[in-house]
C-alpha cells in the first residue's frame, strides 16, 4: 500500500544531505549511489502500487487512506515493510562504500610500494 513512502522520505533526506555535503567536498561516501538506489526503488514500487490500484491520481491518492480502519494497515505496512526495505538499501550501500574504500586503500598501498 504505502511501503514506498519510507524509502522515498529517506531519498529526500539524503538528496538534501548530498547537496550540503558536496559543498564541503565529501565524495568518498558516495551518496549519489545511495540516492540512485533509494529513488529507483521508490519509483519502481510506486509504479507497482499504481499498477495494482493502491495509488490513484485523485485525493487522498492512497486507497488505504479512504477509511480509518485501513489507515492502521497502511501504517503497519510502512513500519514492517517500508522500514526494513529502507534499512536494507542503506546497508547494501554502506557495504558497497566500505568495500570500495578497502579496495582503494589496497591499490594505493600497492602503487606506493611499487614506486
C-alpha atoms as a PDB file:
ATOM      1  CA  UNK A   1       0.000   0.000   0.000  1.00  0.00           C
ATOM      2  CA  UNK A   2       2.438   2.667   1.118  1.00  0.00           C
ATOM      3  CA  UNK A   3       5.733   0.912   1.762  1.00  0.00           C
ATOM      4  CA  UNK A   4       7.430   3.094  -0.876  1.00  0.00           C
ATOM      5  CA  UNK A   5       6.891   6.190   1.269  1.00  0.00           C
ATOM      6  CA  UNK A   6       9.623   5.258   3.768  1.00  0.00           C
ATOM      7  CA  UNK A   7      12.461   4.880   1.215  1.00  0.00           C
ATOM      8  CA  UNK A   8      11.057   7.965  -0.524  1.00  0.00           C
ATOM      9  CA  UNK A   9      11.400  10.032   2.643  1.00  0.00           C
ATOM     10  CA  UNK A  10      14.936   8.710   3.128  1.00  0.00           C
ATOM     11  CA  UNK A  11      15.699   9.605  -0.503  1.00  0.00           C
ATOM     12  CA  UNK A  12      14.527  13.180   0.079  1.00  0.00           C
ATOM     13  CA  UNK A  13      16.684  13.465   3.217  1.00  0.00           C
ATOM     14  CA  UNK A  14      19.776  12.026   1.539  1.00  0.00           C
ATOM     15  CA  UNK A  15      19.313  14.245  -1.505  1.00  0.00           C
ATOM     16  CA  UNK A  16      19.335  17.315   0.736  1.00  0.00           C
ATOM     17  CA  UNK A  17      22.313  15.942   2.679  1.00  0.00           C
ATOM     18  CA  UNK A  18      24.176  15.209  -0.559  1.00  0.00           C
ATOM     19  CA  UNK A  19      23.782  18.794  -1.730  1.00  0.00           C
ATOM     20  CA  UNK A  20      25.066  20.138   1.589  1.00  0.00           C
ATOM     21  CA  UNK A  21      27.933  17.643   1.893  1.00  0.00           C
ATOM     22  CA  UNK A  22      29.102  18.079  -1.704  1.00  0.00           C
ATOM     23  CA  UNK A  23      29.746  21.730  -0.935  1.00  0.00           C
ATOM     24  CA  UNK A  24      32.169  20.534   1.734  1.00  0.00           C
ATOM     25  CA  UNK A  25      33.920  18.110  -0.637  1.00  0.00           C
ATOM     26  CA  UNK A  26      32.817  14.771   0.823  1.00  0.00           C
ATOM     27  CA  UNK A  27      32.792  12.382  -2.143  1.00  0.00           C
ATOM     28  CA  UNK A  28      34.174   9.231  -0.540  1.00  0.00           C
ATOM     29  CA  UNK A  29      30.853   8.156   0.950  1.00  0.00           C
ATOM     30  CA  UNK A  30      29.198   8.161  -2.495  1.00  0.00           C
ATOM     31  CA  UNK A  31      25.765   9.497  -1.596  1.00  0.00           C
ATOM     32  CA  UNK A  32      24.965   9.525  -5.304  1.00  0.00           C
ATOM     33  CA  UNK A  33      24.809   5.721  -5.224  1.00  0.00           C
ATOM     34  CA  UNK A  34      22.529   5.744  -2.177  1.00  0.00           C
ATOM     35  CA  UNK A  35      20.242   8.313  -3.800  1.00  0.00           C
ATOM     36  CA  UNK A  36      20.091   6.277  -7.004  1.00  0.00           C
ATOM     37  CA  UNK A  37      19.165   3.134  -5.081  1.00  0.00           C
ATOM     38  CA  UNK A  38      16.528   4.902  -2.983  1.00  0.00           C
ATOM     39  CA  UNK A  39      14.924   6.930  -5.787  1.00  0.00           C
ATOM     40  CA  UNK A  40      14.961   3.963  -8.159  1.00  0.00           C
ATOM     41  CA  UNK A  41      13.381   1.652  -5.612  1.00  0.00           C
ATOM     42  CA  UNK A  42      10.788   4.236  -4.650  1.00  0.00           C
ATOM     43  CA  UNK A  43       9.869   4.856  -8.282  1.00  0.00           C
ATOM     44  CA  UNK A  44       9.559   1.148  -9.100  1.00  0.00           C
ATOM     45  CA  UNK A  45       7.447   0.485  -6.003  1.00  0.00           C
ATOM     46  CA  UNK A  46       5.227   3.442  -6.836  1.00  0.00           C
ATOM     47  CA  UNK A  47       4.687   2.085 -10.360  1.00  0.00           C
ATOM     48  CA  UNK A  48       3.857  -1.341  -8.910  1.00  0.00           C
ATOM     49  CA  UNK A  49       1.337   0.172  -6.484  1.00  0.00           C
ATOM     50  CA  UNK A  50      -0.270   2.212  -9.272  1.00  0.00           C
ATOM     51  CA  UNK A  51      -0.464  -0.964 -11.359  1.00  0.00           C
ATOM     52  CA  UNK A  52      -2.345  -2.736  -8.571  1.00  0.00           C
ATOM     53  CA  UNK A  53      -4.685   0.193  -7.927  1.00  0.00           C
ATOM     54  CA  UNK A  54      -3.304   1.080  -4.493  1.00  0.00           C
ATOM     55  CA  UNK A  55      -2.213   4.545  -5.630  1.00  0.00           C
ATOM     56  CA  UNK A  56      -4.704   6.635  -7.592  1.00  0.00           C
ATOM     57  CA  UNK A  57      -4.452  10.070  -9.271  1.00  0.00           C
ATOM     58  CA  UNK A  58      -7.159  11.663  -7.075  1.00  0.00           C
ATOM     59  CA  UNK A  59      -7.097  12.614  -3.389  1.00  0.00           C
ATOM     60  CA  UNK A  60      -6.294  11.045  -0.986  1.00  0.00           C
ATOM     61  CA  UNK A  61      -4.035   9.285  -3.582  1.00  0.00           C
ATOM     62  CA  UNK A  62      -3.551   6.186  -1.429  1.00  0.00           C
ATOM     63  CA  UNK A  63      -6.542   3.877  -1.360  1.00  0.00           C
ATOM     64  CA  UNK A  64      -5.572   2.897   2.188  1.00  0.00           C
ATOM     65  CA  UNK A  65      -6.423   6.393   3.402  1.00  0.00           C
ATOM     66  CA  UNK A  66     -10.077   6.243   2.380  1.00  0.00           C
ATOM     67  CA  UNK A  67     -11.219   4.598   5.622  1.00  0.00           C
ATOM     68  CA  UNK A  68      -9.911   4.864   9.156  1.00  0.00           C
ATOM     69  CA  UNK A  69      -9.621   1.086   9.526  1.00  0.00           C
ATOM     70  CA  UNK A  70      -7.306   0.745   6.510  1.00  0.00           C
ATOM     71  CA  UNK A  71      -5.130   3.645   7.706  1.00  0.00           C
ATOM     72  CA  UNK A  72      -3.796   1.435  10.508  1.00  0.00           C
ATOM     73  CA  UNK A  73      -2.996  -1.271   7.975  1.00  0.00           C
ATOM     74  CA  UNK A  74      -1.099   1.270   5.909  1.00  0.00           C
ATOM     75  CA  UNK A  75       0.978   2.378   8.897  1.00  0.00           C
ATOM     76  CA  UNK A  76       1.647  -1.263   9.755  1.00  0.00           C
ATOM     77  CA  UNK A  77       2.927  -1.894   6.224  1.00  0.00           C
ATOM     78  CA  UNK A  78       5.095   1.207   6.328  1.00  0.00           C
ATOM     79  CA  UNK A  79       6.630   0.060   9.604  1.00  0.00           C
ATOM     80  CA  UNK A  80       7.082  -3.628   8.832  1.00  0.00           C
ATOM     81  CA  UNK A  81       7.795  -3.478   5.090  1.00  0.00           C
ATOM     82  CA  UNK A  82       8.949   0.069   4.282  1.00  0.00           C
ATOM     83  CA  UNK A  83      11.404   0.467   7.155  1.00  0.00           C
ATOM     84  CA  UNK A  84      13.157  -2.893   6.532  1.00  0.00           C
ATOM     85  CA  UNK A  85      13.409  -2.028   2.808  1.00  0.00           C
ATOM     86  CA  UNK A  86      14.979   1.346   3.581  1.00  0.00           C
ATOM     87  CA  UNK A  87      17.358  -0.212   6.109  1.00  0.00           C
ATOM     88  CA  UNK A  88      18.294  -2.964   3.650  1.00  0.00           C
ATOM     89  CA  UNK A  89      19.030  -0.475   0.886  1.00  0.00           C
ATOM     90  CA  UNK A  90      21.118   1.629   3.265  1.00  0.00           C
ATOM     91  CA  UNK A  91      23.045  -1.421   4.491  1.00  0.00           C
ATOM     92  CA  UNK A  92      23.756  -2.534   0.918  1.00  0.00           C
ATOM     93  CA  UNK A  93      25.040   0.965   0.146  1.00  0.00           C
ATOM     94  CA  UNK A  94      27.181   1.028   3.322  1.00  0.00           C
ATOM     95  CA  UNK A  95      28.727  -2.341   2.453  1.00  0.00           C
ATOM     96  CA  UNK A  96      29.484  -1.104  -1.078  1.00  0.00           C
ATOM     97  CA  UNK A  97      31.144   2.035   0.323  1.00  0.00           C
ATOM     98  CA  UNK A  98      33.262   0.074   2.807  1.00  0.00           C
ATOM     99  CA  UNK A  99      34.355  -2.453   0.161  1.00  0.00           C
ATOM    100  CA  UNK A 100      35.210   0.352  -2.272  1.00  0.00           C
ATOM    101  CA  UNK A 101      37.258   2.189   0.357  1.00  0.00           C
ATOM    102  CA  UNK A 102      39.147  -1.005   1.283  1.00  0.00           C
ATOM    103  CA  UNK A 103      39.917  -1.742  -2.369  1.00  0.00           C
ATOM    104  CA  UNK A 104      41.119   1.814  -2.997  1.00  0.00           C
ATOM    105  CA  UNK A 105      43.334   1.642   0.115  1.00  0.00           C
ATOM    106  CA  UNK A 106      44.893  -1.609  -1.148  1.00  0.00           C
ATOM    107  CA  UNK A 107      45.549  -0.188  -4.608  1.00  0.00           C
ATOM    108  CA  UNK A 108      47.083   2.964  -3.107  1.00  0.00           C
ATOM    109  CA  UNK A 109      49.378   0.861  -0.909  1.00  0.00           C
ATOM    110  CA  UNK A 110      50.435  -1.362  -3.798  1.00  0.00           C
ATOM    111  CA  UNK A 111      51.170   1.576  -6.097  1.00  0.00           C
ATOM    112  CA  UNK A 112      53.085   3.323  -3.307  1.00  0.00           C
ATOM    113  CA  UNK A 113      55.182   0.216  -2.625  1.00  0.00           C
ATOM    114  CA  UNK A 114      55.820  -0.377  -6.315  1.00  0.00           C
ATOM    115  CA  UNK A 115      57.161   3.145  -6.798  1.00  0.00           C
END
